[in-house]
Amino acid sequence: MRLRLLAVAHFLEGANRTQVAAMTMISRRIVNQWISNYLSQGLNGLESKKSSGRPPRLTG
């Protein structure tokens, strides 16, 4: 969550998405997704979502 907040903070301070990706060493695609989620949903858009993939076969 911290890295997402840092990326959004850089964006709000005037850095473009490519610059934010370079500063945070995260792909531009992921940065675009985080910024878009923030702009449409606010801080709630930055929360991690549960994976929707197939459940694991191995038990704990």
PDB file of N, CA and C in Angstrom:
ATOM      1  N   MET A   1       0.832  -1.192   0.000  1.00  0.00           N
ATOM      2  CA  MET A   1       0.000   0.000   0.000  1.00  0.00           C
ATOM      3  C   MET A   1       0.877   1.257   0.000  1.00  0.00           C
ATOM      4  N   ARG A   2       2.014   1.203   0.708  1.00  0.00           N
ATOM      5  CA  ARG A   2       2.878   2.375   0.780  1.00  0.00           C
ATOM      6  C   ARG A   2       3.387   2.794  -0.588  1.00  0.00           C
ATOM      7  N   LEU A   3       3.779   1.809  -1.393  1.00  0.00           N
ATOM      8  CA  LEU A   3       4.311   2.122  -2.710  1.00  0.00           C
ATOM      9  C   LEU A   3       3.231   2.743  -3.592  1.00  0.00           C
ATOM     10  N   ARG A   4       2.017   2.274  -3.451  1.00  0.00           N
ATOM     11  CA  ARG A   4       0.897   2.848  -4.213  1.00  0.00           C
ATOM     12  C   ARG A   4       0.662   4.294  -3.812  1.00  0.00           C
ATOM     13  N   LEU A   5       0.705   4.555  -2.502  1.00  0.00           N
ATOM     14  CA  LEU A   5       0.522   5.930  -2.021  1.00  0.00           C
ATOM     15  C   LEU A   5       1.656   6.831  -2.486  1.00  0.00           C
ATOM     16  N   LEU A   6       2.877   6.298  -2.472  1.00  0.00           N
ATOM     17  CA  LEU A   6       4.027   7.061  -2.933  1.00  0.00           C
ATOM     18  C   LEU A   6       3.878   7.402  -4.411  1.00  0.00           C
ATOM     19  N   ALA A   7       3.449   6.442  -5.205  1.00  0.00           N
ATOM     20  CA  ALA A   7       3.260   6.673  -6.639  1.00  0.00           C
ATOM     21  C   ALA A   7       2.207   7.755  -6.879  1.00  0.00           C
ATOM     22  N   VAL A   8       1.106   7.687  -6.161  1.00  0.00           N
ATOM     23  CA  VAL A   8       0.047   8.686  -6.314  1.00  0.00           C
ATOM     24  C   VAL A   8       0.543  10.056  -5.859  1.00  0.00           C
ATOM     25  N   ALA A   9       1.319  10.088  -4.774  1.00  0.00           N
ATOM     26  CA  ALA A   9       1.852  11.363  -4.289  1.00  0.00           C
ATOM     27  C   ALA A   9       2.753  12.012  -5.337  1.00  0.00           C
ATOM     28  N   HIS A  10       3.623  11.232  -5.959  1.00  0.00           N
ATOM     29  CA  HIS A  10       4.477  11.767  -7.024  1.00  0.00           C
ATOM     30  C   HIS A  10       3.628  12.308  -8.176  1.00  0.00           C
ATOM     31  N   PHE A  11       2.584  11.573  -8.521  1.00  0.00           N
ATOM     32  CA  PHE A  11       1.699  11.996  -9.608  1.00  0.00           C
ATOM     33  C   PHE A  11       1.009  13.309  -9.257  1.00  0.00           C
ATOM     34  N   LEU A  12       0.518  13.417  -8.037  1.00  0.00           N
ATOM     35  CA  LEU A  12      -0.184  14.627  -7.618  1.00  0.00           C
ATOM     36  C   LEU A  12       0.750  15.830  -7.508  1.00  0.00           C
ATOM     37  N   GLU A  13       2.040  15.568  -7.311  1.00  0.00           N
ATOM     38  CA  GLU A  13       3.027  16.646  -7.250  1.00  0.00           C
ATOM     39  C   GLU A  13       3.459  17.112  -8.636  1.00  0.00           C
ATOM     40  N   GLY A  14       2.981  16.449  -9.689  1.00  0.00           N
ATOM     41  CA  GLY A  14       3.251  16.919 -11.038  1.00  0.00           C
ATOM     42  C   GLY A  14       4.045  15.987 -11.926  1.00  0.00           C
ATOM     43  N   ALA A  15       4.505  14.867 -11.404  1.00  0.00           N
ATOM     44  CA  ALA A  15       5.238  13.913 -12.243  1.00  0.00           C
ATOM     45  C   ALA A  15       4.256  13.194 -13.158  1.00  0.00           C
ATOM     46  N   ASN A  16       4.689  12.920 -14.387  1.00  0.00           N
ATOM     47  CA  ASN A  16       3.804  12.153 -15.260  1.00  0.00           C
ATOM     48  C   ASN A  16       3.951  10.668 -14.931  1.00  0.00           C
ATOM     49  N   ARG A  17       3.110   9.849 -15.531  1.00  0.00           N
ATOM     50  CA  ARG A  17       3.071   8.430 -15.170  1.00  0.00           C
ATOM     51  C   ARG A  17       4.367   7.706 -15.514  1.00  0.00           C
ATOM     52  N   THR A  18       5.013   8.102 -16.587  1.00  0.00           N
ATOM     53  CA  THR A  18       6.294   7.494 -16.961  1.00  0.00           C
ATOM     54  C   THR A  18       7.362   7.832 -15.925  1.00  0.00           C
ATOM     55  N   GLN A  19       7.383   9.063 -15.464  1.00  0.00           N
ATOM     56  CA  GLN A  19       8.337   9.465 -14.438  1.00  0.00           C
ATOM     57  C   GLN A  19       8.073   8.742 -13.125  1.00  0.00           C
ATOM     58  N   VAL A  20       6.800   8.602 -12.769  1.00  0.00           N
ATOM     59  CA  VAL A  20       6.439   7.890 -11.540  1.00  0.00           C
ATOM     60  C   VAL A  20       6.919   6.444 -11.623  1.00  0.00           C
ATOM     61  N   ALA A  21       6.738   5.815 -12.778  1.00  0.00           N
ATOM     62  CA  ALA A  21       7.179   4.432 -12.957  1.00  0.00           C
ATOM     63  C   ALA A  21       8.686   4.327 -12.779  1.00  0.00           C
ATOM     64  N   ALA A  22       9.422   5.268 -13.326  1.00  0.00           N
ATOM     65  CA  ALA A  22      10.881   5.252 -13.195  1.00  0.00           C
ATOM     66  C   ALA A  22      11.307   5.492 -11.746  1.00  0.00           C
ATOM     67  N   MET A  23      10.647   6.410 -11.051  1.00  0.00           N
ATOM     68  CA  MET A  23      11.004   6.724  -9.665  1.00  0.00           C
ATOM     69  C   MET A  23      10.728   5.555  -8.722  1.00  0.00           C
ATOM     70  N   THR A  24       9.637   4.847  -8.971  1.00  0.00           N
ATOM     71  CA  THR A  24       9.238   3.761  -8.074  1.00  0.00           C
ATOM     72  C   THR A  24       9.734   2.400  -8.542  1.00  0.00           C
ATOM     73  N   MET A  25      10.320   2.355  -9.735  1.00  0.00           N
ATOM     74  CA  MET A  25      10.803   1.110 -10.335  1.00  0.00           C
ATOM     75  C   MET A  25       9.687   0.076 -10.487  1.00  0.00           C
ATOM     76  N   ILE A  26       8.508   0.558 -10.878  1.00  0.00           N
ATOM     77  CA  ILE A  26       7.336  -0.266 -11.140  1.00  0.00           C
ATOM     78  C   ILE A  26       6.968  -0.047 -12.604  1.00  0.00           C
ATOM     79  N   SER A  27       6.419  -1.063 -13.250  1.00  0.00           N
ATOM     80  CA  SER A  27       6.076  -0.912 -14.665  1.00  0.00           C
ATOM     81  C   SER A  27       5.034   0.202 -14.853  1.00  0.00           C
ATOM     82  N   ARG A  28       5.104   0.841 -16.005  1.00  0.00           N
ATOM     83  CA  ARG A  28       4.183   1.937 -16.296  1.00  0.00           C
ATOM     84  C   ARG A  28       2.747   1.439 -16.337  1.00  0.00           C
ATOM     85  N   ARG A  29       2.541   0.214 -16.774  1.00  0.00           N
ATOM     86  CA  ARG A  29       1.195  -0.360 -16.828  1.00  0.00           C
ATOM     87  C   ARG A  29       0.585  -0.428 -15.430  1.00  0.00           C
ATOM     88  N   ILE A  30       1.362  -0.852 -14.458  1.00  0.00           N
ATOM     89  CA  ILE A  30       0.868  -0.943 -13.083  1.00  0.00           C
ATOM     90  C   ILE A  30       0.622   0.456 -12.519  1.00  0.00           C
ATOM     91  N   VAL A  31       1.550   1.377 -12.782  1.00  0.00           N
ATOM     92  CA  VAL A  31       1.368   2.758 -12.317  1.00  0.00           C
ATOM     93  C   VAL A  31       0.102   3.347 -12.927  1.00  0.00           C
ATOM     94  N   ASN A  32      -0.118   3.121 -14.214  1.00  0.00           N
ATOM     95  CA  ASN A  32      -1.347   3.601 -14.861  1.00  0.00           C
ATOM     96  C   ASN A  32      -2.580   3.053 -14.159  1.00  0.00           C
ATOM     97  N   GLN A  33      -2.533   1.777 -13.811  1.00  0.00           N
ATOM     98  CA  GLN A  33      -3.675   1.146 -13.143  1.00  0.00           C
ATOM     99  C   GLN A  33      -3.903   1.782 -11.766  1.00  0.00           C
ATOM    100  N   TRP A  34      -2.835   1.977 -10.998  1.00  0.00           N
ATOM    101  CA  TRP A  34      -2.970   2.582  -9.671  1.00  0.00           C
ATOM    102  C   TRP A  34      -3.527   3.999  -9.755  1.00  0.00           C
ATOM    103  N   ILE A  35      -2.994   4.794 -10.682  1.00  0.00           N
ATOM    104  CA  ILE A  35      -3.447   6.184 -10.811  1.00  0.00           C
ATOM    105  C   ILE A  35      -4.907   6.224 -11.254  1.00  0.00           C
ATOM    106  N   SER A  36      -5.256   5.399 -12.213  1.00  0.00           N
ATOM    107  CA  SER A  36      -6.650   5.355 -12.682  1.00  0.00           C
ATOM    108  C   SER A  36      -7.593   4.950 -11.558  1.00  0.00           C
ATOM    109  N   ASN A  37      -7.200   3.931 -10.789  1.00  0.00           N
ATOM    110  CA  ASN A  37      -8.025   3.502  -9.659  1.00  0.00           C
ATOM    111  C   ASN A  37      -8.173   4.620  -8.639  1.00  0.00           C
ATOM    112  N   TYR A  38      -7.086   5.324  -8.367  1.00  0.00           N
ATOM    113  CA  TYR A  38      -7.148   6.431  -7.408  1.00  0.00           C
ATOM    114  C   TYR A  38      -8.058   7.541  -7.915  1.00  0.00           C
ATOM    115  N   LEU A  39      -7.930   7.898  -9.174  1.00  0.00           N
ATOM    116  CA  LEU A  39      -8.732   8.998  -9.719  1.00  0.00           C
ATOM    117  C   LEU A  39     -10.222   8.656  -9.768  1.00  0.00           C
ATOM    118  N   SER A  40     -10.549   7.385  -9.969  1.00  0.00           N
ATOM    119  CA  SER A  40     -11.961   7.019 -10.064  1.00  0.00           C
ATOM    120  C   SER A  40     -12.580   6.639  -8.717  1.00  0.00           C
ATOM    121  N   GLN A  41     -11.763   6.080  -7.790  1.00  0.00           N
ATOM    122  CA  GLN A  41     -12.322   5.566  -6.545  1.00  0.00           C
ATOM    123  C   GLN A  41     -11.708   6.166  -5.282  1.00  0.00           C
ATOM    124  N   GLY A  42     -10.753   7.054  -5.436  1.00  0.00           N
ATOM    125  CA  GLY A  42     -10.092   7.630  -4.264  1.00  0.00           C
ATOM    126  C   GLY A  42      -9.170   6.623  -3.607  1.00  0.00           C
ATOM    127  N   LEU A  43      -8.922   6.791  -2.325  1.00  0.00           N
ATOM    128  CA  LEU A  43      -8.004   5.899  -1.605  1.00  0.00           C
ATOM    129  C   LEU A  43      -8.485   4.457  -1.591  1.00  0.00           C
ATOM    130  N   ASN A  44      -9.794   4.242  -1.642  1.00  0.00           N
ATOM    131  CA  ASN A  44     -10.320   2.875  -1.673  1.00  0.00           C
ATOM    132  C   ASN A  44      -9.861   2.129  -2.917  1.00  0.00           C
ATOM    133  N   GLY A  45      -9.591   2.848  -3.989  1.00  0.00           N
ATOM    134  CA  GLY A  45      -9.130   2.220  -5.216  1.00  0.00           C
ATOM    135  C   GLY A  45      -7.716   1.684  -5.125  1.00  0.00           C
ATOM    136  N   LEU A  46      -6.978   2.078  -4.095  1.00  0.00           N
ATOM    137  CA  LEU A  46      -5.602   1.617  -3.941  1.00  0.00           C
ATOM    138  C   LEU A  46      -5.480   0.375  -3.074  1.00  0.00           C
ATOM    139  N   GLU A  47      -6.559  -0.048  -2.449  1.00  0.00           N
ATOM    140  CA  GLU A  47      -6.512  -1.220  -1.586  1.00  0.00           C
ATOM    141  C   GLU A  47      -6.311  -2.475  -2.407  1.00  0.00           C
ATOM    142  N   SER A  48      -5.605  -3.434  -1.828  1.00  0.00           N
ATOM    143  CA  SER A  48      -5.375  -4.714  -2.505  1.00  0.00           C
ATOM    144  C   SER A  48      -6.684  -5.488  -2.578  1.00  0.00           C
ATOM    145  N   LYS A  49      -6.891  -6.092  -3.699  1.00  0.00           N
ATOM    146  CA  LYS A  49      -8.089  -6.908  -3.893  1.00  0.00           C
ATOM    147  C   LYS A  49      -7.713  -8.381  -3.786  1.00  0.00           C
ATOM    148  N   LYS A  50      -8.639  -9.207  -3.354  1.00  0.00           N
ATOM    149  CA  LYS A  50      -8.403 -10.632  -3.271  1.00  0.00           C
ATOM    150  C   LYS A  50      -8.296 -11.193  -4.687  1.00  0.00           C
ATOM    151  N   SER A  51      -7.354 -12.072  -4.882  1.00  0.00           N
ATOM    152  CA  SER A  51      -7.163 -12.691  -6.187  1.00  0.00           C
ATOM    153  C   SER A  51      -8.385 -13.524  -6.544  1.00  0.00           C
ATOM    154  N   SER A  52      -8.765 -13.471  -7.817  1.00  0.00           N
ATOM    155  CA  SER A  52      -9.964 -14.203  -8.242  1.00  0.00           C
ATOM    156  C   SER A  52      -9.614 -15.489  -8.982  1.00  0.00           C
ATOM    157  N   GLY A  53      -8.386 -15.926  -8.872  1.00  0.00           N
ATOM    158  CA  GLY A  53      -7.944 -17.134  -9.573  1.00  0.00           C
ATOM    159  C   GLY A  53      -8.471 -18.410  -8.936  1.00  0.00           C
ATOM    160  N   ARG A  54      -8.085 -19.513  -9.526  1.00  0.00           N
ATOM    161  CA  ARG A  54      -8.499 -20.813  -9.026  1.00  0.00           C
ATOM    162  C   ARG A  54      -7.883 -21.048  -7.652  1.00  0.00           C
ATOM    163  N   PRO A  55      -8.638 -21.617  -6.710  1.00  0.00           N
ATOM    164  CA  PRO A  55      -8.083 -21.879  -5.389  1.00  0.00           C
ATOM    165  C   PRO A  55      -6.960 -22.914  -5.454  1.00  0.00           C
ATOM    166  N   PRO A  56      -6.005 -22.850  -4.539  1.00  0.00           N
ATOM    167  CA  PRO A  56      -4.889 -23.803  -4.571  1.00  0.00           C
ATOM    168  C   PRO A  56      -5.350 -25.221  -4.218  1.00  0.00           C
ATOM    169  N   ARG A  57      -4.654 -26.201  -4.775  1.00  0.00           N
ATOM    170  CA  ARG A  57      -4.976 -27.611  -4.480  1.00  0.00           C
ATOM    171  C   ARG A  57      -4.370 -28.044  -3.146  1.00  0.00           C
ATOM    172  N   LEU A  58      -3.246 -27.448  -2.783  1.00  0.00           N
ATOM    173  CA  LEU A  58      -2.571 -27.844  -1.551  1.00  0.00           C
ATOM    174  C   LEU A  58      -3.229 -27.165  -0.348  1.00  0.00           C
ATOM    175  N   THR A  59      -3.315 -27.894   0.720  1.00  0.00           N
ATOM    176  CA  THR A  59      -3.864 -27.313   1.945  1.00  0.00           C
ATOM    177  C   THR A  59      -2.740 -26.751   2.796  1.00  0.00           C
ATOM    178  N   GLY A  60      -3.087 -25.930   3.744  1.00  0.00           N
ATOM    179  CA  GLY A  60      -2.097 -25.319   4.617  1.00  0.00           C
ATOM    180  C   GLY A  60      -1.419 -26.338   5.457  1.00  0.00           C
TER     181      GLY A  60
END
